Amino acid sequence: MRTWTRITATDRAGETFSGVYNVRRPQEARDRLALDHESQIRGRLTAVRCEELAPGDRECPAHA
């Protein structure tokens, strides 16, 4: 089952990247974040935080 997931991660340079994706598991969100920002990310992503969103959350696209 897919859920809307917000992911935030930091690269080695200290840059923070985030996104909201409709995925089956957190690893998919991490992979999509890395793909979306591949030209900007330096090194690997660390400090990864995933949070499932519910329809009542403001950032959840299903909320609209």
N, C-alpha and C. Protein backbone atom coordinates (compact mmCIF):
# COMPACT_ATOMS: atom_id res chain seq x y z
N MET A 1 0.84 -1.18 0.00
CA MET A 1 0.00 0.00 0.00
C MET A 1 0.89 1.25 0.00
N ARG A 2 0.55 2.17 -0.83
CA ARG A 2 1.33 3.41 -0.92
C ARG A 2 0.87 4.41 0.15
N THR A 3 1.85 5.15 0.65
CA THR A 3 1.54 6.24 1.59
C THR A 3 2.37 7.46 1.19
N TRP A 4 1.85 8.62 1.48
CA TRP A 4 2.60 9.84 1.26
C TRP A 4 3.64 9.94 2.36
N THR A 5 4.90 10.10 1.95
CA THR A 5 6.02 10.12 2.89
C THR A 5 6.86 11.36 2.66
N ARG A 6 7.12 12.08 3.75
CA ARG A 6 8.04 13.22 3.69
C ARG A 6 9.41 12.73 4.12
N ILE A 7 10.43 13.05 3.33
CA ILE A 7 11.79 12.63 3.65
C ILE A 7 12.69 13.85 3.67
N THR A 8 13.56 13.88 4.66
CA THR A 8 14.57 14.93 4.78
C THR A 8 15.90 14.25 4.99
N ALA A 9 16.93 14.71 4.28
CA ALA A 9 18.26 14.12 4.39
C ALA A 9 19.32 15.19 4.20
N THR A 10 20.50 14.92 4.72
CA THR A 10 21.63 15.84 4.62
C THR A 10 22.77 15.13 3.91
N ASP A 11 23.49 15.87 3.06
CA ASP A 11 24.65 15.27 2.41
C ASP A 11 25.91 15.62 3.19
N ARG A 12 27.06 15.15 2.72
CA ARG A 12 28.33 15.38 3.43
C ARG A 12 28.70 16.85 3.54
N ALA A 13 28.24 17.67 2.61
CA ALA A 13 28.56 19.09 2.63
C ALA A 13 27.65 19.87 3.58
N GLY A 14 26.67 19.18 4.18
CA GLY A 14 25.76 19.83 5.11
C GLY A 14 24.51 20.40 4.47
N GLU A 15 24.34 20.18 3.17
CA GLU A 15 23.13 20.64 2.48
C GLU A 15 21.97 19.73 2.83
N THR A 16 20.80 20.31 3.05
CA THR A 16 19.61 19.55 3.40
C THR A 16 18.68 19.48 2.20
N PHE A 17 18.15 18.30 1.95
CA PHE A 17 17.22 18.07 0.85
C PHE A 17 15.96 17.44 1.41
N SER A 18 14.81 17.78 0.84
CA SER A 18 13.57 17.18 1.31
C SER A 18 12.60 17.03 0.15
N GLY A 19 11.62 16.16 0.36
CA GLY A 19 10.61 15.94 -0.65
C GLY A 19 9.45 15.14 -0.07
N VAL A 20 8.34 15.14 -0.79
CA VAL A 20 7.16 14.37 -0.41
C VAL A 20 6.85 13.44 -1.58
N TYR A 21 6.79 12.15 -1.29
CA TYR A 21 6.60 11.14 -2.33
C TYR A 21 5.53 10.13 -1.92
N ASN A 22 4.82 9.61 -2.90
CA ASN A 22 3.83 8.57 -2.68
C ASN A 22 4.52 7.23 -2.96
N VAL A 23 4.95 6.55 -1.89
CA VAL A 23 5.78 5.36 -2.02
C VAL A 23 5.25 4.20 -1.18
N ARG A 24 5.79 3.01 -1.43
CA ARG A 24 5.41 1.81 -0.67
C ARG A 24 6.23 1.66 0.61
N ARG A 25 7.51 2.10 0.55
CA ARG A 25 8.38 1.95 1.72
C ARG A 25 9.38 3.10 1.76
N PRO A 26 9.95 3.39 2.92
CA PRO A 26 10.87 4.53 3.06
C PRO A 26 12.07 4.49 2.12
N GLN A 27 12.58 3.31 1.79
CA GLN A 27 13.73 3.22 0.89
C GLN A 27 13.41 3.81 -0.48
N GLU A 28 12.17 3.63 -0.94
CA GLU A 28 11.77 4.21 -2.22
C GLU A 28 11.82 5.73 -2.15
N ALA A 29 11.39 6.30 -1.03
CA ALA A 29 11.43 7.76 -0.88
C ALA A 29 12.87 8.26 -0.91
N ARG A 30 13.76 7.55 -0.24
CA ARG A 30 15.18 7.92 -0.24
C ARG A 30 15.76 7.85 -1.66
N ASP A 31 15.42 6.79 -2.39
CA ASP A 31 15.92 6.63 -3.75
C ASP A 31 15.40 7.75 -4.66
N ARG A 32 14.14 8.11 -4.51
CA ARG A 32 13.57 9.16 -5.35
C ARG A 32 14.14 10.53 -5.01
N LEU A 33 14.39 10.78 -3.72
CA LEU A 33 15.01 12.03 -3.31
C LEU A 33 16.41 12.14 -3.92
N ALA A 34 17.18 11.06 -3.84
CA ALA A 34 18.52 11.05 -4.41
C ALA A 34 18.49 11.27 -5.92
N LEU A 35 17.52 10.67 -6.60
CA LEU A 35 17.39 10.83 -8.03
C LEU A 35 16.99 12.26 -8.41
N ASP A 36 16.05 12.83 -7.68
CA ASP A 36 15.59 14.19 -7.96
C ASP A 36 16.69 15.23 -7.77
N HIS A 37 17.62 14.97 -6.87
CA HIS A 37 18.66 15.96 -6.55
C HIS A 37 20.06 15.44 -6.84
N GLU A 38 20.19 14.47 -7.75
CA GLU A 38 21.47 13.82 -7.98
C GLU A 38 22.58 14.78 -8.39
N SER A 39 22.27 15.84 -9.09
CA SER A 39 23.32 16.77 -9.52
C SER A 39 23.77 17.70 -8.39
N GLN A 40 22.99 17.78 -7.31
CA GLN A 40 23.29 18.68 -6.22
C GLN A 40 23.88 17.98 -5.00
N ILE A 41 23.62 16.70 -4.84
CA ILE A 41 24.06 15.97 -3.65
C ILE A 41 25.55 15.66 -3.75
N ARG A 42 26.27 16.00 -2.69
CA ARG A 42 27.71 15.71 -2.62
C ARG A 42 27.92 14.56 -1.64
N GLY A 43 28.46 13.47 -2.12
CA GLY A 43 28.65 12.31 -1.25
C GLY A 43 27.34 11.59 -1.04
N ARG A 44 27.28 10.86 0.04
CA ARG A 44 26.05 10.10 0.30
C ARG A 44 25.14 10.86 1.26
N LEU A 45 23.87 10.46 1.28
CA LEU A 45 22.91 11.08 2.18
C LEU A 45 23.03 10.50 3.58
N THR A 46 23.02 11.37 4.56
CA THR A 46 23.07 10.95 5.95
C THR A 46 21.93 11.65 6.68
N ALA A 47 21.76 11.32 7.94
CA ALA A 47 20.72 11.93 8.77
C ALA A 47 19.37 11.90 8.07
N VAL A 48 19.01 10.74 7.56
CA VAL A 48 17.76 10.58 6.82
C VAL A 48 16.60 10.43 7.79
N ARG A 49 15.54 11.19 7.55
CA ARG A 49 14.35 11.11 8.39
C ARG A 49 13.12 10.96 7.49
N CYS A 50 12.35 9.91 7.72
CA CYS A 50 11.13 9.67 6.95
C CYS A 50 9.93 9.79 7.88
N GLU A 51 8.87 10.37 7.36
CA GLU A 51 7.65 10.54 8.15
C GLU A 51 6.45 10.31 7.25
N GLU A 52 5.61 9.37 7.64
CA GLU A 52 4.39 9.13 6.87
C GLU A 52 3.39 10.24 7.15
N LEU A 53 2.74 10.71 6.08
CA LEU A 53 1.77 11.78 6.20
C LEU A 53 0.36 11.22 6.15
N ALA A 54 -0.51 11.84 6.89
CA ALA A 54 -1.92 11.45 6.90
C ALA A 54 -2.72 12.51 6.14
N PRO A 55 -3.92 12.18 5.69
CA PRO A 55 -4.72 13.15 4.94
C PRO A 55 -4.94 14.48 5.66
N GLY A 56 -4.85 14.52 6.98
CA GLY A 56 -5.04 15.76 7.72
C GLY A 56 -3.81 16.64 7.77
N ASP A 57 -2.66 16.12 7.37
CA ASP A 57 -1.42 16.91 7.39
C ASP A 57 -1.42 17.93 6.26
N ARG A 58 -0.98 19.13 6.57
CA ARG A 58 -1.01 20.21 5.59
C ARG A 58 -0.16 19.90 4.36
N GLU A 59 1.00 19.25 4.54
CA GLU A 59 1.89 18.98 3.41
C GLU A 59 1.44 17.80 2.55
N CYS A 60 0.47 17.04 3.03
CA CYS A 60 0.03 15.86 2.31
C CYS A 60 -0.77 16.27 1.06
N PRO A 61 -0.33 15.84 -0.13
CA PRO A 61 -1.06 16.18 -1.34
C PRO A 61 -2.50 15.66 -1.33
N ALA A 62 -2.78 14.61 -0.59
CA ALA A 62 -4.14 14.08 -0.50
C ALA A 62 -5.05 15.02 0.28
N HIS A 63 -4.46 15.97 0.99
CA HIS A 63 -5.22 16.93 1.81
C HIS A 63 -5.99 17.91 0.93
N ALA A 64 -5.44 18.23 -0.23
CA ALA A 64 -6.04 19.25 -1.11
C ALA A 64 -7.36 18.82 -1.67
